[in-house]
Amino acid sequence: MMSLLNVAWNWNEFFQNYGGVEGDQYKVLQEVFNIISIVLWVALGIVGAVGAVYAIYLGFQLARADEQGKRDDAKKHLITVVIAIGVTIALVLIFNTFMPALVSAFVNPEDVGLDDTTGSAFIHLFQKV
């Protein structure tokens, strides 16, 4: 196991230090994971904004409800919105931040052959058992 002080906290750093990829492969991986990361952060912002607006709307519905059934329905929807926003935040943080850190903490560069100049070390990185 690698030292936890040397973990990569983003995908670019992971591929640079642990992936065993060079040149064009690194550029392609860097661009792909930059795009994925940007899309995920934007999706997180949109989900958060829409969820906040909908939660405010449900709060007004809850406050203005005349019947107990309408209150219970608004309360159920409000709980669902809070859970959905929490799960979205957790998944984006796991993929963008914690997954590269975890993989880099438990991958030993010598085990995957990072001295390989053919670029096949990246493929073996995830095939090693």
C-alpha atoms as a PDB file:
ATOM      1  CA  MET A   1       0.000   0.000   0.000  1.00  0.00           C
ATOM      2  CA  MET A   2       1.243   3.433  -0.884  1.00  0.00           C
ATOM      3  CA  SER A   3       1.656   6.128   1.703  1.00  0.00           C
ATOM      4  CA  LEU A   4      -1.522   8.072   2.298  1.00  0.00           C
ATOM      5  CA  LEU A   5       0.505  11.279   2.067  1.00  0.00           C
ATOM      6  CA  ASN A   6       1.268  10.651  -1.615  1.00  0.00           C
ATOM      7  CA  VAL A   7      -2.285  10.246  -2.838  1.00  0.00           C
ATOM      8  CA  ALA A   8      -3.545  11.957  -5.968  1.00  0.00           C
ATOM      9  CA  TRP A   9      -6.570  14.150  -5.262  1.00  0.00           C
ATOM     10  CA  ASN A  10      -7.620  14.509  -8.903  1.00  0.00           C
ATOM     11  CA  TRP A  11      -7.577  12.331 -12.003  1.00  0.00           C
ATOM     12  CA  ASN A  12      -4.886  14.310 -13.831  1.00  0.00           C
ATOM     13  CA  GLU A  13      -2.465  13.839 -10.973  1.00  0.00           C
ATOM     14  CA  PHE A  14      -3.380  10.158 -10.760  1.00  0.00           C
ATOM     15  CA  PHE A  15      -2.668   9.488 -14.428  1.00  0.00           C
ATOM     16  CA  GLN A  16       0.520  11.510 -14.290  1.00  0.00           C
ATOM     17  CA  ASN A  17       1.939   9.720 -11.246  1.00  0.00           C
ATOM     18  CA  TYR A  18       0.392   6.264 -11.237  1.00  0.00           C
ATOM     19  CA  GLY A  19      -1.141   5.527 -14.601  1.00  0.00           C
ATOM     20  CA  GLY A  20       1.964   4.706 -16.578  1.00  0.00           C
ATOM     21  CA  VAL A  21       0.682   6.623 -19.583  1.00  0.00           C
ATOM     22  CA  GLU A  22       2.775   9.000 -21.624  1.00  0.00           C
ATOM     23  CA  GLY A  23       2.444  11.401 -24.522  1.00  0.00           C
ATOM     24  CA  ASP A  24      -0.757  11.192 -26.517  1.00  0.00           C
ATOM     25  CA  GLN A  25      -2.408   8.731 -24.139  1.00  0.00           C
ATOM     26  CA  TYR A  26      -1.927  11.104 -21.224  1.00  0.00           C
ATOM     27  CA  LYS A  27      -3.288  14.057 -23.212  1.00  0.00           C
ATOM     28  CA  VAL A  28      -6.392  12.115 -24.235  1.00  0.00           C
ATOM     29  CA  LEU A  29      -7.023  10.842 -20.706  1.00  0.00           C
ATOM     30  CA  GLN A  30      -6.436  14.307 -19.285  1.00  0.00           C
ATOM     31  CA  GLU A  31      -8.938  15.878 -21.691  1.00  0.00           C
ATOM     32  CA  VAL A  32     -11.566  13.170 -21.157  1.00  0.00           C
ATOM     33  CA  PHE A  33     -11.372  13.323 -17.377  1.00  0.00           C
ATOM     34  CA  ASN A  34     -11.300  17.141 -17.411  1.00  0.00           C
ATOM     35  CA  ILE A  35     -14.524  17.138 -19.432  1.00  0.00           C
ATOM     36  CA  ILE A  36     -16.132  14.522 -17.171  1.00  0.00           C
ATOM     37  CA  SER A  37     -15.102  16.458 -14.075  1.00  0.00           C
ATOM     38  CA  ILE A  38     -16.456  19.750 -15.415  1.00  0.00           C
ATOM     39  CA  VAL A  39     -19.736  18.115 -16.456  1.00  0.00           C
ATOM     40  CA  LEU A  40     -20.120  16.548 -13.011  1.00  0.00           C
ATOM     41  CA  TRP A  41     -19.460  19.840 -11.175  1.00  0.00           C
ATOM     42  CA  VAL A  42     -21.936  21.653 -13.454  1.00  0.00           C
ATOM     43  CA  ALA A  43     -24.522  18.907 -12.913  1.00  0.00           C
ATOM     44  CA  LEU A  44     -23.971  19.235  -9.172  1.00  0.00           C
ATOM     45  CA  GLY A  45     -24.621  22.980  -9.379  1.00  0.00           C
ATOM     46  CA  ILE A  46     -27.754  22.531 -11.485  1.00  0.00           C
ATOM     47  CA  VAL A  47     -29.124  19.777  -9.244  1.00  0.00           C
ATOM     48  CA  GLY A  48     -28.384  21.880  -6.171  1.00  0.00           C
ATOM     49  CA  ALA A  49     -30.050  24.979  -7.590  1.00  0.00           C
ATOM     50  CA  VAL A  50     -33.123  23.187  -8.909  1.00  0.00           C
ATOM     51  CA  GLY A  51     -33.366  21.154  -5.714  1.00  0.00           C
ATOM     52  CA  ALA A  52     -33.186  24.273  -3.561  1.00  0.00           C
ATOM     53  CA  VAL A  53     -35.909  26.019  -5.554  1.00  0.00           C
ATOM     54  CA  TYR A  54     -38.108  22.922  -5.435  1.00  0.00           C
ATOM     55  CA  ALA A  55     -37.481  22.520  -1.689  1.00  0.00           C
ATOM     56  CA  ILE A  56     -38.582  26.128  -1.126  1.00  0.00           C
ATOM     57  CA  TYR A  57     -41.710  25.490  -3.209  1.00  0.00           C
ATOM     58  CA  LEU A  58     -42.447  22.346  -1.187  1.00  0.00           C
ATOM     59  CA  GLY A  59     -41.891  24.291   2.016  1.00  0.00           C
ATOM     60  CA  PHE A  60     -44.536  26.808   0.953  1.00  0.00           C
ATOM     61  CA  GLN A  61     -46.867  23.953   0.044  1.00  0.00           C
ATOM     62  CA  LEU A  62     -46.255  22.403   3.450  1.00  0.00           C
ATOM     63  CA  ALA A  63     -46.965  25.689   5.216  1.00  0.00           C
ATOM     64  CA  ARG A  64     -50.109  26.454   3.224  1.00  0.00           C
ATOM     65  CA  ALA A  65     -51.605  22.948   3.290  1.00  0.00           C
ATOM     66  CA  ASP A  66     -55.101  22.824   4.726  1.00  0.00           C
ATOM     67  CA  GLU A  67     -55.434  19.065   4.992  1.00  0.00           C
ATOM     68  CA  GLN A  68     -53.179  16.568   6.736  1.00  0.00           C
ATOM     69  CA  GLY A  69     -52.902  14.487   3.542  1.00  0.00           C
ATOM     70  CA  LYS A  70     -51.458  17.415   1.588  1.00  0.00           C
ATOM     71  CA  ARG A  71     -49.000  18.132   4.408  1.00  0.00           C
ATOM     72  CA  ASP A  72     -47.851  14.523   4.458  1.00  0.00           C
ATOM     73  CA  ASP A  73     -47.458  14.509   0.676  1.00  0.00           C
ATOM     74  CA  ALA A  74     -45.391  17.708   0.698  1.00  0.00           C
ATOM     75  CA  LYS A  75     -43.297  16.359   3.581  1.00  0.00           C
ATOM     76  CA  LYS A  76     -42.578  13.121   1.668  1.00  0.00           C
ATOM     77  CA  HIS A  77     -41.543  15.075  -1.420  1.00  0.00           C
ATOM     78  CA  LEU A  78     -39.334  17.368   0.657  1.00  0.00           C
ATOM     79  CA  ILE A  79     -37.553  14.401   2.241  1.00  0.00           C
ATOM     80  CA  THR A  80     -37.063  12.865  -1.208  1.00  0.00           C
ATOM     81  CA  VAL A  81     -35.530  16.098  -2.553  1.00  0.00           C
ATOM     82  CA  VAL A  82     -33.110  16.358   0.367  1.00  0.00           C
ATOM     83  CA  ILE A  83     -32.035  12.731  -0.085  1.00  0.00           C
ATOM     84  CA  ALA A  84     -31.598  13.180  -3.855  1.00  0.00           C
ATOM     85  CA  ILE A  85     -29.416  16.267  -3.403  1.00  0.00           C
ATOM     86  CA  GLY A  86     -27.343  14.499  -0.746  1.00  0.00           C
ATOM     87  CA  VAL A  87     -26.784  11.444  -2.934  1.00  0.00           C
ATOM     88  CA  THR A  88     -25.814  13.626  -5.905  1.00  0.00           C
ATOM     89  CA  ILE A  89     -23.297  15.570  -3.826  1.00  0.00           C
ATOM     90  CA  ALA A  90     -21.842  12.344  -2.442  1.00  0.00           C
ATOM     91  CA  LEU A  91     -21.471  10.707  -5.861  1.00  0.00           C
ATOM     92  CA  VAL A  92     -19.830  13.729  -7.479  1.00  0.00           C
ATOM     93  CA  LEU A  93     -17.390  14.106  -4.583  1.00  0.00           C
ATOM     94  CA  ILE A  94     -16.596  10.396  -4.621  1.00  0.00           C
ATOM     95  CA  PHE A  95     -15.861  10.331  -8.353  1.00  0.00           C
ATOM     96  CA  ASN A  96     -13.992  13.630  -8.608  1.00  0.00           C
ATOM     97  CA  THR A  97     -12.044  13.676  -5.352  1.00  0.00           C
ATOM     98  CA  PHE A  98     -12.087  10.544  -3.271  1.00  0.00           C
ATOM     99  CA  MET A  99     -11.837   7.844  -5.959  1.00  0.00           C
ATOM    100  CA  PRO A 100      -8.476   9.056  -7.364  1.00  0.00           C
ATOM    101  CA  ALA A 101      -7.192   9.364  -3.796  1.00  0.00           C
ATOM    102  CA  LEU A 102      -8.302   5.859  -2.871  1.00  0.00           C
ATOM    103  CA  VAL A 103      -6.977   4.236  -6.029  1.00  0.00           C
ATOM    104  CA  SER A 104      -3.639   6.028  -5.767  1.00  0.00           C
ATOM    105  CA  ALA A 105      -3.350   5.111  -2.083  1.00  0.00           C
ATOM    106  CA  PHE A 106      -3.748   1.397  -2.750  1.00  0.00           C
ATOM    107  CA  VAL A 107      -1.888   1.058  -6.058  1.00  0.00           C
ATOM    108  CA  ASN A 108       1.815   0.425  -5.860  1.00  0.00           C
ATOM    109  CA  PRO A 109       3.480   1.767  -9.033  1.00  0.00           C
ATOM    110  CA  GLU A 110       6.032  -1.066  -9.025  1.00  0.00           C
ATOM    111  CA  ASP A 111       3.260  -3.677  -9.034  1.00  0.00           C
ATOM    112  CA  VAL A 112       1.774  -2.400 -12.268  1.00  0.00           C
ATOM    113  CA  GLY A 113       5.070  -1.937 -14.079  1.00  0.00           C
ATOM    114  CA  LEU A 114       5.271   1.822 -14.452  1.00  0.00           C
ATOM    115  CA  ASP A 115       8.746   1.431 -15.888  1.00  0.00           C
ATOM    116  CA  ASP A 116       7.044  -0.028 -18.964  1.00  0.00           C
ATOM    117  CA  THR A 117       7.566   2.254 -21.964  1.00  0.00           C
ATOM    118  CA  THR A 118       4.920   0.638 -24.176  1.00  0.00           C
ATOM    119  CA  GLY A 119       2.038   2.277 -22.332  1.00  0.00           C
ATOM    120  CA  SER A 120       0.443  -1.050 -21.415  1.00  0.00           C
ATOM    121  CA  ALA A 121       0.955  -0.408 -17.698  1.00  0.00           C
ATOM    122  CA  PHE A 122      -2.269   1.586 -17.584  1.00  0.00           C
ATOM    123  CA  ILE A 123      -4.207  -1.428 -18.834  1.00  0.00           C
ATOM    124  CA  HIS A 124      -2.532  -3.712 -16.299  1.00  0.00           C
ATOM    125  CA  LEU A 125      -3.248  -1.224 -13.528  1.00  0.00           C
ATOM    126  CA  PHE A 126      -6.872  -2.295 -13.336  1.00  0.00           C
ATOM    127  CA  GLN A 127      -6.300  -5.936 -14.320  1.00  0.00           C
ATOM    128  CA  LYS A 128      -3.956  -6.790 -11.440  1.00  0.00           C
ATOM    129  CA  VAL A 129      -5.582  -8.790  -8.714  1.00  0.00           C
END
